[in-house]
C-alpha atoms as a PDB file:
ATOM      1  CA  MET A   1     -18.075 -17.490  13.591  1.00  0.00           C
ATOM      2  CA  GLY A   2     -18.364 -16.518  16.473  1.00  0.00           C
ATOM      3  CA  GLU A   3     -17.963 -13.109  17.783  1.00  0.00           C
ATOM      4  CA  VAL A   4     -14.643 -11.417  19.153  1.00  0.00           C
ATOM      5  CA  THR A   5     -13.991  -9.681  21.939  1.00  0.00           C
ATOM      6  CA  GLY A   6     -11.489  -7.238  23.204  1.00  0.00           C
ATOM      7  CA  ILE A   7     -10.893  -6.237  19.673  1.00  0.00           C
ATOM      8  CA  ARG A   8      -7.490  -3.768  19.382  1.00  0.00           C
ATOM      9  CA  VAL A   9      -7.361  -1.458  16.361  1.00  0.00           C
ATOM     10  CA  LEU A  10      -4.309   0.320  14.660  1.00  0.00           C
ATOM     11  CA  ILE A  11      -6.051   3.196  13.028  1.00  0.00           C
ATOM     12  CA  VAL A  12      -3.692   4.097   9.655  1.00  0.00           C
ATOM     13  CA  ASP A  13      -4.960   8.016   7.871  1.00  0.00           C
ATOM     14  CA  ASP A  14      -3.292  10.857   7.392  1.00  0.00           C
ATOM     15  CA  HIS A  15      -6.099  12.962   8.521  1.00  0.00           C
ATOM     16  CA  PRO A  16      -5.851  13.571  12.209  1.00  0.00           C
ATOM     17  CA  LEU A  17      -9.467  14.564  12.775  1.00  0.00           C
ATOM     18  CA  PHE A  18     -10.859  11.579  10.762  1.00  0.00           C
ATOM     19  CA  ARG A  19      -8.690   9.651  13.302  1.00  0.00           C
ATOM     20  CA  HIS A  20     -10.064  11.342  16.234  1.00  0.00           C
ATOM     21  CA  GLY A  21     -14.322  10.868  14.540  1.00  0.00           C
ATOM     22  CA  LEU A  22     -13.319   6.997  14.390  1.00  0.00           C
ATOM     23  CA  ARG A  23     -11.395   6.040  17.450  1.00  0.00           C
ATOM     24  CA  ALA A  24     -14.569   7.752  19.293  1.00  0.00           C
ATOM     25  CA  ALA A  25     -16.780   5.686  17.051  1.00  0.00           C
ATOM     26  CA  LEU A  26     -14.878   2.818  17.728  1.00  0.00           C
ATOM     27  CA  GLU A  27     -14.823   2.499  21.034  1.00  0.00           C
ATOM     28  CA  SER A  28     -18.073   4.096  21.247  1.00  0.00           C
ATOM     29  CA  SER A  29     -18.822  -0.107  21.046  1.00  0.00           C
ATOM     30  CA  GLY A  30     -17.569  -1.060  24.620  1.00  0.00           C
ATOM     31  CA  ASP A  31     -15.351  -3.911  23.081  1.00  0.00           C
ATOM     32  CA  ILE A  32     -12.685  -2.197  20.932  1.00  0.00           C
ATOM     33  CA  GLU A  33      -9.751   0.020  22.086  1.00  0.00           C
ATOM     34  CA  VAL A  34      -7.929   1.787  19.733  1.00  0.00           C
ATOM     35  CA  VAL A  35      -4.330   1.403  20.922  1.00  0.00           C
ATOM     36  CA  ALA A  36      -2.737   2.632  17.935  1.00  0.00           C
ATOM     37  CA  GLU A  37      -3.048   5.538  15.085  1.00  0.00           C
ATOM     38  CA  ALA A  38      -0.615   6.096  12.406  1.00  0.00           C
ATOM     39  CA  GLY A  39      -0.461   8.762   9.473  1.00  0.00           C
ATOM     40  CA  SER A  40       1.827   7.523   7.262  1.00  0.00           C
ATOM     41  CA  ALA A  41       2.764   3.794   6.238  1.00  0.00           C
ATOM     42  CA  ALA A  42       5.802   4.254   7.881  1.00  0.00           C
ATOM     43  CA  GLU A  43       5.047   4.136  11.397  1.00  0.00           C
ATOM     44  CA  ILE A  44       2.870   1.029  10.243  1.00  0.00           C
ATOM     45  CA  ASP A  45       5.777  -1.771  11.341  1.00  0.00           C
ATOM     46  CA  GLU A  46       6.763  -0.393  14.731  1.00  0.00           C
ATOM     47  CA  ALA A  47       3.141   0.482  15.625  1.00  0.00           C
ATOM     48  CA  VAL A  48       2.299  -3.337  15.101  1.00  0.00           C
ATOM     49  CA  ALA A  49       5.363  -4.353  16.975  1.00  0.00           C
ATOM     50  CA  ARG A  50       4.461  -2.362  19.682  1.00  0.00           C
ATOM     51  CA  HIS A  51       0.984  -2.368  19.916  1.00  0.00           C
ATOM     52  CA  ARG A  52       0.097  -5.807  18.695  1.00  0.00           C
ATOM     53  CA  PRO A  53      -3.612  -4.999  17.056  1.00  0.00           C
ATOM     54  CA  THR A  54      -6.100  -7.361  16.225  1.00  0.00           C
ATOM     55  CA  VAL A  55      -6.671  -5.444  13.286  1.00  0.00           C
ATOM     56  CA  VAL A  56      -5.518  -2.812  10.878  1.00  0.00           C
ATOM     57  CA  ILE A  57      -8.236  -0.067   9.994  1.00  0.00           C
ATOM     58  CA  MET A  58      -6.404   1.503   6.921  1.00  0.00           C
ATOM     59  CA  ASP A  59      -6.467   4.403   4.368  1.00  0.00           C
ATOM     60  CA  LEU A  60      -5.344   3.957   0.694  1.00  0.00           C
ATOM     61  CA  GLY A  61      -4.468   7.205   0.859  1.00  0.00           C
ATOM     62  CA  LEU A  62      -1.353   7.535   2.901  1.00  0.00           C
ATOM     63  CA  PRO A  63       1.751   9.953   2.391  1.00  0.00           C
ATOM     64  CA  GLY A  64       5.011   8.163   0.715  1.00  0.00           C
ATOM     65  CA  ALA A  65       3.898   4.351   0.318  1.00  0.00           C
ATOM     66  CA  SER A  66       0.288   3.670  -0.541  1.00  0.00           C
ATOM     67  CA  GLY A  67      -2.192   1.928   1.386  1.00  0.00           C
ATOM     68  CA  VAL A  68      -2.211  -0.983  -0.989  1.00  0.00           C
ATOM     69  CA  GLU A  69       1.630  -1.404  -0.381  1.00  0.00           C
ATOM     70  CA  ALA A  70       1.382  -1.149   2.936  1.00  0.00           C
ATOM     71  CA  THR A  71      -1.276  -3.504   3.124  1.00  0.00           C
ATOM     72  CA  ARG A  72       0.655  -5.924   0.858  1.00  0.00           C
ATOM     73  CA  ARG A  73       3.901  -5.747   3.255  1.00  0.00           C
ATOM     74  CA  LEU A  74       1.850  -6.454   5.893  1.00  0.00           C
ATOM     75  CA  ALA A  75       0.150  -9.445   4.281  1.00  0.00           C
ATOM     76  CA  ALA A  76       3.482 -11.039   4.096  1.00  0.00           C
ATOM     77  CA  SER A  77       4.357 -11.100   7.461  1.00  0.00           C
ATOM     78  CA  ASP A  78       4.133 -13.810   9.731  1.00  0.00           C
ATOM     79  CA  ASP A  79       0.811 -13.320  12.061  1.00  0.00           C
ATOM     80  CA  ALA A  80      -0.218 -10.716  11.176  1.00  0.00           C
ATOM     81  CA  PRO A  81      -3.305  -8.664  12.321  1.00  0.00           C
ATOM     82  CA  PRO A  82      -5.841  -8.551   9.150  1.00  0.00           C
ATOM     83  CA  VAL A  83      -6.475  -5.187   7.141  1.00  0.00           C
ATOM     84  CA  LEU A  84     -10.093  -3.462   6.581  1.00  0.00           C
ATOM     85  CA  ILE A  85     -10.053  -1.081   4.036  1.00  0.00           C
ATOM     86  CA  LEU A  86     -11.307   2.495   5.046  1.00  0.00           C
ATOM     87  CA  THR A  87     -11.447   4.713   2.262  1.00  0.00           C
ATOM     88  CA  MET A  88     -12.266   7.287  -0.343  1.00  0.00           C
ATOM     89  CA  SER A  89     -11.485   5.786  -3.078  1.00  0.00           C
ATOM     90  CA  ASP A  90     -14.099   3.977  -4.651  1.00  0.00           C
ATOM     91  CA  ASP A  91     -12.756   3.173  -8.444  1.00  0.00           C
ATOM     92  CA  ASP A  92     -12.582  -0.586  -9.057  1.00  0.00           C
ATOM     93  CA  GLY A  93      -8.481  -0.082 -10.016  1.00  0.00           C
ATOM     94  CA  SER A  94      -8.039   0.316  -5.287  1.00  0.00           C
ATOM     95  CA  LEU A  95     -10.881  -2.020  -4.965  1.00  0.00           C
ATOM     96  CA  VAL A  96      -8.745  -4.829  -7.181  1.00  0.00           C
ATOM     97  CA  SER A  97      -5.266  -3.668  -6.049  1.00  0.00           C
ATOM     98  CA  ALA A  98      -6.380  -3.878  -1.993  1.00  0.00           C
ATOM     99  CA  LEU A  99      -8.111  -6.856  -3.130  1.00  0.00           C
ATOM    100  CA  GLN A 100      -5.177  -8.473  -4.133  1.00  0.00           C
ATOM    101  CA  ALA A 101      -3.091  -6.872  -1.421  1.00  0.00           C
ATOM    102  CA  GLY A 102      -4.026  -8.948   1.069  1.00  0.00           C
ATOM    103  CA  ALA A 103      -7.016  -6.699   2.624  1.00  0.00           C
ATOM    104  CA  ARG A 104     -10.041  -8.383   4.541  1.00  0.00           C
ATOM    105  CA  GLY A 105     -12.693  -5.882   3.674  1.00  0.00           C
ATOM    106  CA  TYR A 106     -13.321  -2.500   2.003  1.00  0.00           C
ATOM    107  CA  LEU A 107     -15.543   0.788   3.441  1.00  0.00           C
ATOM    108  CA  VAL A 108     -15.869   3.888   1.756  1.00  0.00           C
ATOM    109  CA  LYS A 109     -15.706   6.482   4.096  1.00  0.00           C
ATOM    110  CA  GLY A 110     -18.959   7.751   5.095  1.00  0.00           C
ATOM    111  CA  ALA A 111     -20.088   4.097   5.940  1.00  0.00           C
ATOM    112  CA  GLY A 112     -22.684   4.919   8.802  1.00  0.00           C
ATOM    113  CA  ARG A 113     -21.421   3.877  12.423  1.00  0.00           C
ATOM    114  CA  ASP A 114     -22.919   0.019  12.609  1.00  0.00           C
ATOM    115  CA  SER A 115     -21.412  -0.572   9.373  1.00  0.00           C
ATOM    116  CA  VAL A 116     -17.847   0.186  10.189  1.00  0.00           C
ATOM    117  CA  LEU A 117     -18.371  -1.808  13.762  1.00  0.00           C
ATOM    118  CA  HIS A 118     -20.057  -4.941  12.285  1.00  0.00           C
ATOM    119  CA  ALA A 119     -16.821  -4.720   9.723  1.00  0.00           C
ATOM    120  CA  VAL A 120     -14.604  -4.288  12.650  1.00  0.00           C
ATOM    121  CA  HIS A 121     -16.274  -7.532  14.467  1.00  0.00           C
ATOM    122  CA  THR A 122     -15.870  -9.607  11.173  1.00  0.00           C
ATOM    123  CA  VAL A 123     -12.934  -9.075   9.872  1.00  0.00           C
ATOM    124  CA  ALA A 124     -11.281  -9.825  13.629  1.00  0.00           C
ATOM    125  CA  ALA A 125     -13.189 -13.011  13.829  1.00  0.00           C
ATOM    126  CA  GLY A 126     -11.547 -14.122  10.671  1.00  0.00           C
ATOM    127  CA  GLY A 127     -14.060 -12.670   7.761  1.00  0.00           C
ATOM    128  CA  ALA A 128     -14.050 -10.676   4.843  1.00  0.00           C
ATOM    129  CA  VAL A 129     -16.496  -8.003   4.739  1.00  0.00           C
ATOM    130  CA  PHE A 130     -17.510  -5.359   1.854  1.00  0.00           C
ATOM    131  CA  GLY A 131     -19.959  -2.474   1.830  1.00  0.00           C
ATOM    132  CA  PRO A 132     -22.876  -3.331  -0.267  1.00  0.00           C
ATOM    133  CA  ASP A 133     -21.667  -0.981  -3.400  1.00  0.00           C
ATOM    134  CA  VAL A 134     -18.400  -2.378  -3.217  1.00  0.00           C
ATOM    135  CA  ALA A 135     -20.146  -6.348  -3.526  1.00  0.00           C
ATOM    136  CA  HIS A 136     -21.873  -5.375  -5.880  1.00  0.00           C
ATOM    137  CA  ARG A 137     -18.752  -4.204  -8.340  1.00  0.00           C
ATOM    138  CA  ILE A 138     -16.379  -7.460  -7.111  1.00  0.00           C
ATOM    139  CA  SER A 139     -19.808  -9.484  -8.638  1.00  0.00           C
ATOM    140  CA  ARG A 140     -19.205  -7.594 -11.733  1.00  0.00           C
ATOM    141  CA  LEU A 141     -15.985  -7.707 -12.221  1.00  0.00           C
ATOM    142  CA  VAL A 142     -15.405 -11.651 -11.580  1.00  0.00           C
ATOM    143  CA  THR A 143     -18.310 -12.376 -13.856  1.00  0.00           C
ATOM    144  CA  ASP A 144     -17.409  -9.261 -16.555  1.00  0.00           C
ATOM    145  CA  PRO A 145     -14.007 -10.168 -17.865  1.00  0.00           C
ATOM    146  CA  ARG A 146     -13.926  -7.406 -20.155  1.00  0.00           C
ATOM    147  CA  ALA A 147     -15.125  -5.231 -16.782  1.00  0.00           C
ATOM    148  CA  SER A 148     -11.624  -6.224 -14.883  1.00  0.00           C
ATOM    149  CA  ALA A 149      -9.166  -6.744 -18.057  1.00  0.00           C
ATOM    150  CA  SER A 150      -7.472  -3.679 -17.452  1.00  0.00           C
ATOM    151  CA  GLN A 151      -7.944  -4.141 -13.504  1.00  0.00           C
ATOM    152  CA  VAL A 152      -5.897  -7.031 -13.695  1.00  0.00           C
ATOM    153  CA  ARG A 153      -3.212  -5.854 -16.010  1.00  0.00           C
ATOM    154  CA  PHE A 154      -2.399  -2.747 -13.793  1.00  0.00           C
ATOM    155  CA  PRO A 155      -4.209  -3.115 -10.581  1.00  0.00           C
ATOM    156  CA  MET A 156      -1.842  -0.884  -8.805  1.00  0.00           C
ATOM    157  CA  LEU A 157      -3.650   2.120 -11.040  1.00  0.00           C
ATOM    158  CA  THR A 158      -6.603   4.180 -10.094  1.00  0.00           C
ATOM    159  CA  ALA A 159      -9.455   4.648 -12.996  1.00  0.00           C
ATOM    160  CA  ARG A 160      -8.139   8.176 -13.384  1.00  0.00           C
ATOM    161  CA  GLU A 161      -4.498   6.939 -13.989  1.00  0.00           C
ATOM    162  CA  ARG A 162      -5.518   4.403 -16.139  1.00  0.00           C
ATOM    163  CA  GLU A 163      -7.505   6.685 -18.601  1.00  0.00           C
ATOM    164  CA  VAL A 164      -4.426   8.909 -18.680  1.00  0.00           C
ATOM    165  CA  LEU A 165      -1.911   6.279 -19.665  1.00  0.00           C
ATOM    166  CA  THR A 166      -4.381   4.977 -21.706  1.00  0.00           C
ATOM    167  CA  LEU A 167      -3.913   8.044 -23.778  1.00  0.00           C
ATOM    168  CA  ALA A 168      -0.416   8.548 -23.369  1.00  0.00           C
ATOM    169  CA  ALA A 169       0.042   4.890 -24.823  1.00  0.00           C
ATOM    170  CA  ARG A 170      -2.111   6.541 -28.144  1.00  0.00           C
ATOM    171  CA  GLY A 171       0.309   8.958 -28.451  1.00  0.00           C
ATOM    172  CA  TYR A 172      -1.561  12.046 -26.673  1.00  0.00           C
ATOM    173  CA  ASN A 173       1.421  14.314 -25.076  1.00  0.00           C
ATOM    174  CA  ASN A 174       0.461  16.420 -21.637  1.00  0.00           C
ATOM    175  CA  HIS A 175      -1.754  19.063 -23.022  1.00  0.00           C
ATOM    176  CA  ARG A 176      -3.678  16.554 -25.741  1.00  0.00           C
ATOM    177  CA  ILE A 177      -4.650  14.468 -22.586  1.00  0.00           C
ATOM    178  CA  ALA A 178      -5.524  17.205 -20.206  1.00  0.00           C
ATOM    179  CA  ALA A 179      -7.964  18.343 -23.286  1.00  0.00           C
ATOM    180  CA  ALA A 180      -9.525  15.224 -23.328  1.00  0.00           C
ATOM    181  CA  LEU A 181      -9.726  14.495 -19.840  1.00  0.00           C
ATOM    182  CA  VAL A 182     -11.335  17.875 -18.876  1.00  0.00           C
ATOM    183  CA  LEU A 183      -8.146  17.855 -16.466  1.00  0.00           C
ATOM    184  CA  SER A 184      -5.395  20.614 -16.029  1.00  0.00           C
ATOM    185  CA  GLU A 185      -1.676  20.097 -17.177  1.00  0.00           C
ATOM    186  CA  LYS A 186      -0.826  19.867 -13.821  1.00  0.00           C
ATOM    187  CA  THR A 187      -3.080  17.597 -12.815  1.00  0.00           C
ATOM    188  CA  VAL A 188      -2.299  14.790 -15.716  1.00  0.00           C
ATOM    189  CA  ARG A 189       1.614  15.642 -14.849  1.00  0.00           C
ATOM    190  CA  ASN A 190       0.794  14.628 -10.784  1.00  0.00           C
ATOM    191  CA  HIS A 191      -0.750  11.083 -12.678  1.00  0.00           C
ATOM    192  CA  ILE A 192       1.860  11.205 -14.807  1.00  0.00           C
ATOM    193  CA  GLY A 193       4.685  11.300 -11.378  1.00  0.00           C
ATOM    194  CA  HIS A 194       2.278   8.797  -9.666  1.00  0.00           C
ATOM    195  CA  ILE A 195       1.909   6.188 -12.512  1.00  0.00           C
ATOM    196  CA  PHE A 196       5.861   6.075 -13.212  1.00  0.00           C
ATOM    197  CA  ASP A 197       6.000   5.279  -8.785  1.00  0.00           C
ATOM    198  CA  LYS A 198       3.578   2.906  -9.123  1.00  0.00           C
ATOM    199  CA  LEU A 199       4.798   1.157 -12.082  1.00  0.00           C
ATOM    200  CA  GLN A 200       8.374   1.334 -10.886  1.00  0.00           C
ATOM    201  CA  VAL A 201      10.240   3.185 -13.940  1.00  0.00           C
ATOM    202  CA  THR A 202      11.590   6.085 -14.756  1.00  0.00           C
ATOM    203  CA  SER A 203      10.666   7.441 -17.540  1.00  0.00           C
ATOM    204  CA  ARG A 204       7.392   7.876 -20.227  1.00  0.00           C
ATOM    205  CA  ALA A 205       8.796   5.917 -22.884  1.00  0.00           C
ATOM    206  CA  GLU A 206       9.156   3.166 -20.056  1.00  0.00           C
ATOM    207  CA  ALA A 207       5.959   3.681 -18.889  1.00  0.00           C
ATOM    208  CA  LEU A 208       4.502   3.692 -22.416  1.00  0.00           C
ATOM    209  CA  ALA A 209       6.082   0.174 -22.983  1.00  0.00           C
ATOM    210  CA  LEU A 210       4.635  -1.255 -20.346  1.00  0.00           C
ATOM    211  CA  ALA A 211       1.349   0.238 -21.200  1.00  0.00           C
ATOM    212  CA  ARG A 212       0.989  -1.134 -24.845  1.00  0.00           C
ATOM    213  CA  ASP A 213       2.637  -4.546 -23.168  1.00  0.00           C
ATOM    214  CA  GLY A 214      -0.465  -4.946 -21.242  1.00  0.00           C
ATOM    215  CA  GLY A 215      -2.966  -3.743 -23.780  1.00  0.00           C
ATOM    216  CA  LEU A 216      -3.020  -0.172 -23.065  1.00  0.00           C
ATOM    217  CA  GLY A 217      -3.839   2.364 -25.609  1.00  0.00           C
ATOM    218  CA  GLU A 218      -5.551   0.052 -28.529  1.00  0.00           C
ATOM    219  CA  PRO A 219      -7.996   2.114 -30.232  1.00  0.00           C
END
């Protein structure tokens, strides 16, 4: 696979300081140009249409639609640029969700400059790239069905959200879930809200029905 030069990058991250630092690191390579930045998923379509990036570097924790949803939407488009995930989310659920959405690479924030540059070049050239820890987890998820079962059932949920949903499916109320997971009730309510959004349901009863159908809540 030949090395691609003249790479045009769109950075999608809701933290301006992080975008600034990432831009500086990328452009220090000499053959990468950051052509645009976006702070939310809602800005991506226009930025891609206007600037025609070679690679999109995407965070998962975006306001509004998640980075997973944004990646899925991009991957479904004709001639869409490949997406490299660069995120703080290092749980298996986020990893599986991103891969199923069509991401071509997955790095956890904190990866060194050389790792990020290598990943951008690899993805731009049509390859796929994952950090060492991520590659190990992919291998485990593929070879151990027990480890991947809940991720396959609900790949859009994070590991913590699946824990909350599992306990809710067992009949726990928010107070009891908070005690079991050593969280505040407000944090549990926030997780429940995110679960509703991701499962596209409007009530706890609907969410619990889906959870039990998917095998969550079993002792």
